[in-house]
Structures are given as structure tokens and as C-alpha cells.
Protein backbone atom coordinates (compact mmCIF):
# COMPACT_ATOMS: atom_id res chain seq x y z
CA UNK A 1 0.00 0.00 0.00
CA UNK A 2 1.42 3.36 -1.00
CA UNK A 3 1.40 6.12 1.57
CA UNK A 4 -0.18 9.40 0.59
CA UNK A 5 2.43 12.11 0.66
CA UNK A 6 1.03 15.44 1.85
CA UNK A 7 2.87 18.52 0.68
CA UNK A 8 2.23 21.86 2.28
CA UNK A 9 2.82 25.22 0.60
CA UNK A 10 1.78 27.83 3.20
CA UNK A 11 2.37 27.03 6.85
CA UNK A 12 1.12 29.13 9.75
CA UNK A 13 2.68 29.04 13.20
CA UNK A 14 1.08 31.26 15.84
CA UNK A 15 3.42 32.37 18.63
CA UNK A 16 2.76 33.96 22.02
CA UNK A 17 6.17 33.97 23.70
CA UNK A 18 5.66 30.61 25.40
CA UNK A 19 8.08 27.69 25.22
CA UNK A 20 5.41 25.53 23.59
CA UNK A 21 4.93 28.08 20.81
CA UNK A 22 8.65 28.25 20.16
CA UNK A 23 8.80 24.44 20.01
CA UNK A 24 6.02 24.61 17.41
CA UNK A 25 8.10 27.14 15.48
CA UNK A 26 11.01 24.68 15.40
CA UNK A 27 8.75 21.95 14.00
CA UNK A 28 7.14 24.34 11.53
CA UNK A 29 10.56 25.39 10.26
CA UNK A 30 11.58 21.75 9.74
CA UNK A 31 8.38 20.97 7.84
CA UNK A 32 8.64 24.16 5.76
CA UNK A 33 12.22 23.29 4.80
CA UNK A 34 11.21 19.74 3.77
CA UNK A 35 8.28 21.01 1.73
CA UNK A 36 9.98 24.14 0.34
CA UNK A 37 7.01 25.99 1.80
CA UNK A 38 6.34 29.54 2.90
CA UNK A 39 6.17 30.07 6.67
CA UNK A 40 3.95 32.69 8.31
CA UNK A 41 4.77 33.51 11.94
CA UNK A 42 1.80 35.18 13.63
CA UNK A 43 1.24 36.90 16.96
CA UNK A 44 -2.28 38.00 17.78
CA UNK A 45 -2.66 40.96 20.12
CA UNK A 46 -5.93 40.66 21.99
CA UNK A 47 -7.19 44.18 22.80
CA UNK A 48 -9.33 42.76 25.62
CA UNK A 49 -6.16 42.32 27.67
CA UNK A 50 -5.81 46.10 27.90
CA UNK A 51 -9.31 46.79 29.17
CA UNK A 52 -9.18 44.26 32.00
CA UNK A 53 -5.58 44.71 33.13
CA UNK A 54 -5.05 46.10 36.60
CA UNK A 55 -8.69 45.91 37.58
CA UNK A 56 -9.85 47.96 34.61
CA UNK A 57 -7.43 50.82 35.25
CA UNK A 58 -5.75 50.44 31.85
CA UNK A 59 -7.88 50.94 28.79
CA UNK A 60 -6.99 50.35 25.17
CA UNK A 61 -5.41 53.78 24.76
CA UNK A 62 -2.91 54.47 22.03
CA UNK A 63 0.20 54.37 24.24
CA UNK A 64 -0.42 50.93 25.71
CA UNK A 65 -1.45 49.43 22.39
CA UNK A 66 1.48 51.02 20.55
CA UNK A 67 3.95 49.70 23.14
CA UNK A 68 2.45 46.20 22.91
CA UNK A 69 2.76 46.31 19.12
CA UNK A 70 6.39 47.48 19.36
CA UNK A 71 7.21 44.64 21.79
CA UNK A 72 5.56 42.06 19.53
CA UNK A 73 7.33 43.42 16.46
CA UNK A 74 10.72 43.05 18.15
CA UNK A 75 9.89 39.52 19.28
CA UNK A 76 8.74 38.52 15.78
CA UNK A 77 11.87 39.96 14.16
CA UNK A 78 13.99 37.84 16.51
CA UNK A 79 12.04 34.72 15.49
CA UNK A 80 12.38 35.49 11.77
CA UNK A 81 16.15 35.80 12.16
CA UNK A 82 16.25 32.48 14.03
CA UNK A 83 14.30 30.75 11.23
CA UNK A 84 16.54 32.26 8.55
CA UNK A 85 19.63 30.98 10.37
CA UNK A 86 18.12 27.50 10.05
CA UNK A 87 18.08 27.94 6.28
CA UNK A 88 14.49 28.98 5.55
CA UNK A 89 14.36 32.27 3.66
CA UNK A 90 10.67 32.22 2.72
CA UNK A 91 9.31 33.46 6.06
CA UNK A 92 7.12 36.41 7.00
CA UNK A 93 6.14 37.74 10.42
CA UNK A 94 2.71 39.18 11.14
CA UNK A 95 1.08 40.93 14.08
CA UNK A 96 -2.69 41.20 14.14
CA UNK A 97 -5.19 42.65 16.56
CA UNK A 98 -8.25 40.60 17.44
CA UNK A 99 -9.46 37.44 19.07
CA UNK A 100 -6.63 34.85 18.92
CA UNK A 101 -9.19 32.08 18.37
CA UNK A 102 -10.86 33.67 15.37
CA UNK A 103 -7.70 35.09 13.81
CA UNK A 104 -5.72 31.83 14.03
CA UNK A 105 -8.53 29.42 13.13
CA UNK A 106 -10.22 31.31 10.30
CA UNK A 107 -9.27 34.89 9.44
CA UNK A 108 -5.53 34.62 8.87
CA UNK A 109 -5.60 31.24 7.05
CA UNK A 110 -8.37 32.53 4.79
CA UNK A 111 -6.38 35.69 3.96
CA UNK A 112 -3.06 33.89 3.41
CA UNK A 113 -4.28 30.53 2.04
CA UNK A 114 -2.49 28.53 4.73
CA UNK A 115 -2.85 24.78 4.29
CA UNK A 116 -1.30 23.84 7.64
CA UNK A 117 -1.29 25.33 11.14
CA UNK A 118 1.36 24.16 13.59
CA UNK A 119 0.97 25.22 17.20
CA UNK A 120 1.84 24.22 20.73
CA UNK A 121 -0.66 22.49 22.99
CA UNK A 122 -1.26 25.71 24.92
CA UNK A 123 0.49 28.86 26.03
CA UNK A 124 -1.77 29.34 29.04
CA UNK A 125 -1.49 28.15 32.60
CA UNK A 126 -4.30 25.90 33.95
CA UNK A 127 -6.29 28.79 35.48
CA UNK A 128 -6.15 30.83 32.26
CA UNK A 129 -7.29 27.78 30.27
CA UNK A 130 -10.26 27.38 32.57
CA UNK A 131 -11.27 31.03 32.31
CA UNK A 132 -10.44 31.73 28.68
CA UNK A 133 -10.42 28.28 27.09
CA UNK A 134 -7.46 27.01 25.16
CA UNK A 135 -7.00 28.62 21.77
CA UNK A 136 -5.44 25.37 20.56
CA UNK A 137 -8.59 23.41 21.38
CA UNK A 138 -10.69 25.87 19.42
CA UNK A 139 -8.35 25.91 16.42
CA UNK A 140 -8.27 22.11 16.16
CA UNK A 141 -12.08 22.05 16.05
CA UNK A 142 -12.74 25.00 13.72
CA UNK A 143 -9.82 25.37 11.28
CA UNK A 144 -10.49 24.36 7.68
CA UNK A 145 -6.91 23.22 7.11
CA UNK A 146 -4.73 20.59 8.77
CA UNK A 147 -3.54 21.33 12.31
CA UNK A 148 -0.48 19.80 13.94
CA UNK A 149 0.06 20.09 17.68
CA UNK A 150 3.81 20.16 18.37
CA UNK A 151 4.86 18.74 21.73
């Protein structure tokens, strides 16, 4: 029996600064190199985090949002350089505002025609998972493309 060989062209790896996300980035880079695929690295900035931080004392004003975007941009640039050092040149970093669930599962893959999402099992601690729900769980249920959970 011949195995079906799946080739991927546009791979998405969402990152949030966690060790599990960076492990997923390693796997995504390996798979992109094997498939000669494009790699999109994505960080989603959830504006809700600004309105509930510090008991509601911080709102989504321009300064806080701008600083968050600057921090994310620096982090993403570091990841792109790391991927390029591994030999993958076809890589792009993206920062988006919105709900991580919706952006990762539907919006971004629809816009960029991703055929594979590779992500870590979760970037949240157990309490955050209980309150917010794991983004990974949602993506595996809702995404239209293949999803690999890197451990």
C-alpha cells in the first residue's frame, strides 16, 4: 500500500512567547524546509487584555497598544532571524489585533491561504485555560486546514 504524501505550501505558526509556541516554530521550520514551503509567523494581540488589566485601570489607549505592538514586532523579528539561520528564507512575520481564536482558526488562514497550522498544545497556565479556554482546542475544532500540535 502506497502512503499518501502530503505537501504543504503555506504554513502558519502562531506564537505567544511561550516555550510551547517556540517548540512549534522549530517543528514548523523543519516541515517548511522539507516542503519548500512559505512560513507565516503570527502573533495575535488581543485588545481585551488592555481593558481588564489592573482591575480595569488600563484601557486600550494608544500608548499601551502602541507599546504592545512594538514589543511584539521586536519579538517577531527575533524569530524570523532564528528561522533564517536554520536555512528557511521564505518566512514572514505578522502581528494582528483581534481574538486569537478567530484570527488563528479562520481569518488569517483565509487571507493567506495557509494549508497547515502548527501550534503548541497551549500557552496558558491551567487557570487561564479554565477562564479563557485554550486557543489550541478551538483551532483544532474549527480550522479548515490541517492542524499539527507540536509537543
